[in-house]
Protein backbone atom coordinates (compact mmCIF):
# COMPACT_ATOMS: atom_id res chain seq x y z
CA MET A 1 18.49 3.52 -12.72
CA ASN A 2 14.60 3.62 -13.43
CA ILE A 3 13.44 6.95 -11.67
CA THR A 4 10.07 7.45 -11.93
CA GLN A 5 9.50 10.63 -9.24
CA PRO A 6 11.66 12.46 -7.18
CA THR A 7 14.30 10.16 -6.38
CA LEU A 8 17.43 11.13 -3.95
CA ILE A 9 20.45 9.76 -5.06
CA LEU A 10 23.05 8.85 -3.11
CA ASP A 11 26.98 8.76 -4.47
CA LYS A 12 28.75 6.76 -2.26
CA GLN A 13 32.17 7.31 -3.25
CA LYS A 14 31.95 11.36 -2.74
CA CYS A 15 30.65 10.66 0.58
CA LEU A 16 33.11 8.02 1.26
CA ARG A 17 36.16 10.33 0.53
CA ASN A 18 34.06 13.24 2.61
CA ILE A 19 33.79 10.74 5.80
CA LYS A 20 37.56 10.24 4.85
CA ARG A 21 38.88 13.79 4.31
CA MET A 22 37.24 14.42 7.91
CA ALA A 23 38.19 11.45 9.68
CA ASP A 24 42.03 12.33 8.63
CA LYS A 25 42.11 16.35 9.85
CA ALA A 26 40.52 14.45 13.32
CA LYS A 27 43.82 12.50 13.93
CA LYS A 28 45.34 15.03 12.23
CA HIS A 29 44.37 17.47 15.56
CA ASN A 30 44.46 14.77 17.78
CA LEU A 31 40.81 15.43 17.83
CA LYS A 32 37.68 13.04 18.87
CA LEU A 33 35.71 13.05 15.52
CA ARG A 34 31.95 12.36 16.97
CA PRO A 35 29.93 12.66 13.62
CA HIS A 36 26.53 14.45 13.79
CA PHE A 37 23.81 11.90 12.09
CA LYS A 38 21.62 13.96 11.88
CA THR A 39 22.31 15.19 7.76
CA HIS A 40 22.16 11.44 6.30
CA GLN A 41 19.97 9.68 9.17
CA SER A 42 20.88 6.81 7.61
CA GLY A 43 21.81 3.07 9.61
CA GLU A 44 24.07 1.72 5.80
CA ILE A 45 25.84 5.02 5.41
CA GLY A 46 26.42 4.69 9.54
CA ASN A 47 27.90 1.52 9.11
CA TRP A 48 30.11 3.16 5.95
CA VAL A 49 31.25 5.72 9.23
CA LYS A 50 32.50 2.69 11.21
CA ASN A 51 35.07 1.84 8.77
CA PHE A 52 36.52 4.75 9.60
CA ASP A 53 37.89 4.07 13.18
CA ILE A 54 35.05 6.26 14.66
CA ASP A 55 32.91 4.87 17.12
CA SER A 56 30.38 7.62 18.61
CA ILE A 57 28.57 9.44 16.95
CA THR A 58 25.65 13.12 18.06
CA VAL A 59 22.69 12.72 17.12
CA SER A 60 19.42 15.47 17.22
CA SER A 61 16.63 13.90 19.14
CA VAL A 62 15.74 10.74 21.46
CA SER A 63 14.65 8.72 18.62
CA MET A 64 17.10 9.37 16.24
CA ALA A 65 18.96 8.10 19.37
CA GLU A 66 16.72 4.68 19.26
CA TYR A 67 17.31 4.26 15.91
CA PHE A 68 21.00 4.29 15.61
CA ALA A 69 21.56 2.40 18.94
CA ALA A 70 19.35 -0.62 17.17
CA ASN A 71 22.23 -0.04 14.43
CA GLY A 72 24.75 -1.07 16.89
CA TRP A 73 26.18 2.63 18.39
CA LYS A 74 27.19 2.57 21.77
CA ASP A 75 28.45 5.88 22.59
CA ILE A 76 25.62 9.05 21.66
CA THR A 77 25.39 12.50 22.70
CA ILE A 78 21.56 14.39 22.07
CA ALA A 79 23.07 17.15 20.71
CA PHE A 80 19.66 19.03 22.25
CA PRO A 81 18.26 20.82 25.17
CA PHE A 82 17.24 17.65 26.93
CA ASN A 83 12.81 17.68 26.38
CA ILE A 84 12.24 16.21 30.35
CA LEU A 85 9.02 14.49 28.82
CA GLU A 86 11.17 11.69 27.63
CA ILE A 87 12.92 10.51 30.07
CA GLU A 88 11.39 7.53 29.96
CA LYS A 89 13.21 7.01 26.72
CA VAL A 90 16.36 7.94 27.63
CA ASN A 91 16.21 5.51 30.87
CA ASN A 92 15.50 2.75 28.33
CA LEU A 93 18.26 3.92 26.83
CA THR A 94 21.16 4.17 28.95
CA LYS A 95 20.57 0.67 30.49
CA LYS A 96 21.81 -0.45 27.13
CA ILE A 97 24.30 2.31 25.54
CA LYS A 98 26.34 5.03 26.89
CA ILE A 99 24.34 8.29 26.59
CA ASN A 100 25.43 12.32 26.84
CA LEU A 101 22.43 14.75 27.46
CA LEU A 102 23.24 18.88 26.69
CA ILE A 103 21.67 20.55 29.83
CA GLU A 104 20.76 25.07 29.65
CA ASN A 105 19.07 25.26 32.70
CA ILE A 106 19.06 24.39 36.62
CA GLU A 107 15.44 23.10 36.55
CA THR A 108 16.44 20.33 33.73
CA PHE A 109 19.17 19.34 35.85
CA ILE A 110 17.25 19.01 38.81
CA PHE A 111 14.71 17.05 36.72
CA LEU A 112 17.19 14.84 35.56
CA ASN A 113 18.91 14.12 38.91
CA LYS A 114 15.89 12.96 40.77
CA ASN A 115 14.81 10.94 37.52
CA LEU A 116 17.87 9.53 35.26
CA LYS A 117 18.07 5.36 36.71
CA SER A 118 21.47 5.49 35.14
CA LYS A 119 24.58 7.91 35.93
CA THR A 120 24.54 9.94 32.79
CA GLY A 121 27.12 12.26 31.19
CA PHE A 122 25.80 15.74 30.41
CA PHE A 123 27.73 18.57 29.16
CA ILE A 124 26.68 22.23 29.76
CA LYS A 125 25.63 23.81 26.16
CA ILE A 126 26.99 27.17 25.50
CA ASP A 127 25.96 29.91 23.55
CA THR A 128 29.02 31.68 22.04
CA GLY A 129 27.30 33.89 19.96
CA TYR A 130 24.38 31.78 17.73
CA HIS A 131 22.01 32.70 19.92
CA ARG A 132 19.19 30.05 19.37
CA SER A 133 19.96 27.56 22.63
CA GLY A 134 22.54 27.28 25.09
CA ILE A 135 23.70 29.16 27.98
CA ASN A 136 25.27 32.54 27.49
CA TRP A 137 28.75 31.97 28.00
CA ASP A 138 29.44 35.15 30.41
CA ASP A 139 26.10 34.43 33.16
CA PHE A 140 28.64 32.39 35.09
CA GLU A 141 25.15 32.33 37.72
CA LYS A 142 23.91 29.49 35.59
CA ILE A 143 26.88 27.73 34.84
CA ASP A 144 27.44 27.97 38.68
CA LYS A 145 24.50 26.87 39.64
CA ILE A 146 24.50 23.57 37.56
CA LEU A 147 27.92 22.94 38.47
CA GLU A 148 27.66 23.22 42.19
CA SER A 149 24.27 20.78 41.64
CA THR A 150 27.16 18.77 39.86
CA LYS A 151 29.35 18.17 42.89
CA LYS A 152 26.49 16.79 44.64
CA SER A 153 24.76 14.82 42.15
CA THR A 154 24.95 10.73 41.80
CA LYS A 155 23.17 10.14 38.36
CA LEU A 156 25.00 12.58 36.38
CA ASN A 157 28.72 13.00 35.41
CA PHE A 158 29.90 16.47 34.08
CA ILE A 159 31.51 16.30 31.01
CA GLY A 160 32.38 19.77 29.53
CA PHE A 161 31.19 22.14 27.45
CA LEU A 162 30.10 22.16 23.93
CA THR A 163 28.69 24.93 21.45
CA HIS A 164 27.35 24.59 18.22
CA SER A 165 28.60 28.06 15.91
CA GLY A 166 25.83 27.69 14.27
CA GLN A 167 26.72 32.07 12.77
CA THR A 168 29.13 30.44 10.63
CA TYR A 169 25.88 29.68 8.27
CA HIS A 170 25.65 33.34 7.76
CA ALA A 171 28.98 34.43 7.44
CA LYS A 172 30.29 36.02 3.80
CA SER A 173 34.08 34.59 3.39
CA LYS A 174 35.77 31.64 5.03
CA LYS A 175 37.99 34.59 7.54
CA GLU A 176 34.83 35.29 8.81
CA ILE A 177 33.98 31.83 9.30
CA LEU A 178 37.57 31.34 10.77
CA GLN A 179 37.15 34.32 13.05
CA ILE A 180 33.92 33.24 14.60
CA HIS A 181 35.64 29.34 15.49
CA PHE A 182 38.79 31.02 17.12
CA ASP A 183 36.34 33.50 18.48
CA SER A 184 33.99 30.16 20.03
CA ILE A 185 36.73 28.07 21.45
CA LYS A 186 38.57 31.00 23.01
CA ILE A 187 35.44 31.31 25.17
CA LEU A 188 35.22 27.66 25.93
CA ASN A 189 39.28 27.48 26.78
CA PHE A 190 38.83 30.48 29.07
CA LEU A 191 35.76 28.66 30.55
CA LYS A 192 37.57 25.12 31.12
CA GLU A 193 40.47 27.50 32.43
CA LYS A 194 37.68 28.69 34.97
CA TYR A 195 36.00 25.74 36.40
CA ILE A 196 39.20 23.37 35.51
CA HIS A 197 40.88 23.24 39.29
CA GLU A 198 37.36 22.74 40.76
CA PHE A 199 36.41 19.15 38.00
CA GLY A 200 39.88 17.95 36.59
CA ASN A 201 39.65 16.98 32.83
CA ILE A 202 36.87 18.93 31.28
CA GLU A 203 36.05 18.49 27.74
CA ILE A 204 35.36 21.13 24.63
CA SER A 205 33.27 19.86 22.07
CA ILE A 206 32.46 22.07 18.49
CA GLY A 207 30.62 21.13 15.64
CA ASP A 208 29.91 23.03 12.86
CA THR A 209 30.91 21.37 9.42
CA PRO A 210 31.69 25.38 7.83
CA SER A 211 34.42 25.35 11.21
CA CYS A 212 35.24 22.11 10.54
CA SER A 213 36.41 22.01 6.84
CA ILE A 214 38.00 25.04 6.88
CA ALA A 215 39.91 25.52 9.92
CA GLU A 216 43.08 24.40 10.97
CA ASP A 217 43.62 25.78 14.27
CA PHE A 218 41.88 23.87 17.25
CA ASN A 219 43.68 24.41 19.96
CA GLY A 220 42.19 23.16 23.49
CA VAL A 221 38.97 21.74 21.40
CA ASP A 222 39.00 17.35 21.97
CA GLU A 223 36.11 16.88 19.75
CA ILE A 224 34.49 17.79 16.69
CA ARG A 225 30.87 17.15 15.47
CA PRO A 226 30.29 18.26 12.19
CA GLY A 227 27.81 16.37 10.61
CA ASN A 228 26.53 17.90 6.82
CA PHE A 229 29.83 17.08 5.22
CA ILE A 230 29.45 13.68 4.96
CA LEU A 231 26.84 14.72 2.50
CA TYR A 232 27.59 18.26 1.85
CA ASP A 233 25.33 21.06 0.24
CA LEU A 234 24.88 23.97 -1.98
CA MET A 235 25.11 26.23 1.31
CA GLN A 236 28.38 24.56 2.13
CA TYR A 237 29.72 25.12 -1.57
CA LYS A 238 28.76 28.71 -1.05
CA LEU A 239 30.53 28.68 2.45
CA GLY A 240 33.51 27.28 0.65
CA SER A 241 33.00 24.59 3.21
CA CYS A 242 33.58 22.17 -0.30
CA SER A 243 33.78 21.88 -3.60
CA VAL A 244 31.08 21.42 -5.88
CA GLU A 245 32.33 17.98 -6.46
CA ASP A 246 32.14 17.49 -3.24
CA ILE A 247 28.50 17.00 -2.71
CA ALA A 248 27.11 13.66 -2.77
CA VAL A 249 23.70 13.71 -3.13
CA SER A 250 21.13 14.92 -5.87
CA LEU A 251 17.22 15.02 -6.39
CA ALA A 252 16.75 13.12 -9.86
CA CYS A 253 13.32 14.86 -10.62
CA PRO A 254 11.22 13.93 -14.13
CA VAL A 255 10.40 16.57 -16.91
CA VAL A 256 7.02 17.33 -16.85
CA SER A 257 7.02 20.18 -19.42
CA VAL A 258 8.82 22.26 -21.49
CA ASN A 259 8.44 26.15 -22.24
CA ASN A 260 11.18 27.46 -25.01
CA LYS A 261 9.87 30.81 -24.97
CA ARG A 262 10.75 31.31 -21.28
CA ASN A 263 13.57 28.90 -21.15
CA GLU A 264 12.01 26.98 -18.62
CA ILE A 265 11.74 23.38 -16.99
CA VAL A 266 9.08 21.80 -15.06
CA VAL A 267 10.20 19.35 -13.15
CA TYR A 268 8.20 16.78 -10.84
CA GLY A 269 10.13 18.13 -7.66
CA GLY A 270 9.67 20.59 -5.08
CA GLY A 271 9.12 21.99 -1.45
CA ILE A 272 8.44 18.90 -0.12
CA HIS A 273 10.92 16.79 -1.61
CA LEU A 274 13.97 19.63 -1.16
CA SER A 275 12.88 22.15 1.43
CA LYS A 276 11.94 25.65 0.14
CA GLU A 277 15.66 26.94 1.75
CA PHE A 278 17.07 29.34 -1.00
CA LEU A 279 20.21 31.22 -1.85
CA ILE A 280 21.02 34.18 -3.32
CA ASP A 281 23.50 34.56 -6.44
CA LYS A 282 25.73 37.30 -7.28
CA ASN A 283 22.53 39.25 -9.60
CA GLY A 284 20.35 39.16 -6.23
CA ASN A 285 18.44 36.10 -7.92
CA LYS A 286 17.23 33.30 -5.86
CA TYR A 287 18.01 29.86 -6.28
CA PHE A 288 16.25 26.38 -5.03
CA GLY A 289 19.07 24.29 -6.52
CA TYR A 290 21.64 23.40 -8.88
CA VAL A 291 20.50 21.68 -12.05
CA VAL A 292 23.21 17.97 -12.97
CA ASN A 293 23.13 15.94 -15.57
CA PHE A 294 23.53 11.99 -14.93
CA GLN A 295 25.81 10.05 -16.13
CA LYS A 296 26.72 6.44 -15.57
CA ASN A 297 27.43 5.80 -12.07
CA ASN A 298 28.07 9.91 -11.04
CA PHE A 299 26.33 13.19 -11.97
CA SER A 300 28.00 15.99 -13.71
CA LEU A 301 28.91 19.67 -12.73
CA PRO A 302 26.20 21.66 -12.94
CA VAL A 303 24.92 23.14 -15.92
CA LYS A 304 25.86 26.93 -16.58
CA ASP A 305 23.48 29.54 -16.22
CA THR A 306 20.85 27.05 -15.38
CA PHE A 307 19.02 26.65 -11.48
CA VAL A 308 15.83 25.91 -9.45
CA LYS A 309 14.08 29.49 -9.80
CA SER A 310 11.02 28.30 -8.05
CA LEU A 311 9.20 25.74 -5.94
CA SER A 312 5.55 24.98 -4.59
CA GLN A 313 4.65 22.05 -3.13
CA GLU A 314 5.38 19.20 -6.19
CA HIS A 315 6.79 21.82 -8.77
CA GLY A 316 9.92 23.09 -9.57
CA ILE A 317 10.75 25.40 -12.32
CA ILE A 318 14.60 25.41 -13.56
CA LYS A 319 15.49 28.69 -15.44
CA THR A 320 17.87 27.53 -18.13
CA ASN A 321 19.21 28.69 -21.32
CA PRO A 322 18.40 28.12 -24.67
CA ASP A 323 21.09 25.89 -25.79
CA TYR A 324 20.60 23.57 -23.02
CA ILE A 325 16.31 23.57 -23.37
CA SER A 326 17.00 22.60 -26.66
CA LYS A 327 18.52 18.73 -25.22
CA ILE A 328 15.90 18.55 -23.19
CA LYS A 329 12.51 17.03 -23.83
CA ILE A 330 9.08 15.42 -21.26
CA GLY A 331 10.15 12.21 -19.44
CA ASP A 332 14.00 13.48 -19.41
CA VAL A 333 15.18 13.37 -15.76
CA LEU A 334 17.37 16.00 -14.57
CA GLY A 335 19.25 16.12 -11.12
CA ILE A 336 18.96 19.37 -8.43
CA LEU A 337 21.68 19.77 -6.11
CA PRO A 338 20.22 20.42 -3.31
CA VAL A 339 20.57 24.02 -0.78
CA HIS A 340 20.47 22.38 2.18
CA SER A 341 20.98 18.26 2.20
CA CYS A 342 19.71 18.01 5.95
CA LEU A 343 16.31 18.77 4.56
CA THR A 344 15.90 17.36 1.59
CA VAL A 345 17.33 14.19 3.48
CA SER A 346 14.58 14.39 6.28
CA ALA A 347 11.68 14.99 3.60
CA MET A 348 12.76 12.26 0.91
CA ARG A 349 13.22 9.73 3.98
CA ASN A 350 15.24 7.24 1.12
CA TYR A 351 17.96 7.21 -0.86
CA LEU A 352 19.02 5.37 -4.40
CA THR A 353 22.79 4.72 -4.94
CA PHE A 354 24.02 4.13 -8.28
CA ASP A 355 24.27 0.27 -7.76
CA GLY A 356 20.60 0.71 -7.40
CA LYS A 357 20.62 -0.21 -3.62
CA VAL A 358 17.53 1.48 -1.70
CA LEU A 359 19.09 2.83 1.45
CA GLY A 360 16.61 4.10 4.23
CA THR A 361 16.63 6.37 6.87
CA TYR A 362 15.37 6.22 10.92
């Protein structure tokens, strides 16, 4: 690989293993896997996903839905509260493919019912504790308003209840992740039982990668929508969702300066490449990535006592040990495992595989 500037390296084999593992879990538990493509954002990686008998996906925006529809996907859930200003784009999409929308207020329902050109499915987004978006699970007045209006609608088809338990990303242990998972599906099953006699088949859709990676009990769940699992990252590793060997991306960064007195290495690779997401180690230190070495067709395990201690726009400062720094020279290329692969991909916009292929994103 001829690396001259920050470049996001993708290990295809790890990526394929991660996809297979989640696809096998979905089959084991009789779940529909509708992977969220907001993490990898790549048409080519999407094609790899198709090889595992997956025919429906999740995206985070209308523009992402347009991109993946152009890449052959025919069944897409836009897992973001619907933005009524994009109605024209959605109407164009529904002429060509199946689109599912998220609704969490009666105002959006009324607008869609008036302005949609084709019958479209929708989920009611439920807040089971993350408190980012969605209707509070026990706000039956809001839920009832939407469902009562559904009975009279010729444009909107109620599919079921959907949640994203993003609070798992702040959990301190696997036990806490599992408790959040069980609490969420208990809530969604309660809602299903409450309304099933009026609406017949009601689907339950959940979506966070920590729960989907760790849990083995999906009682009542019909569909899972994890996204980060395809690439994973240090956040998922810290949560226990994956091993460090499962992380499929690393940012290649040229070394531009070495300070032996401080045991610090400066690389060309900063916040505009990695994002400024960070984690905190057991000693209370912030870190923005772990350092790995590139090998012929993969990258190494993280280098001991070596991490990205700070980021500015273009600079990354790596703290390391005397033994490792003695082996580093100006012009070397080091790899950085990202804290949050979703944001790193969004910043970098493309990948380079070990066989030299460049994969673009939407």
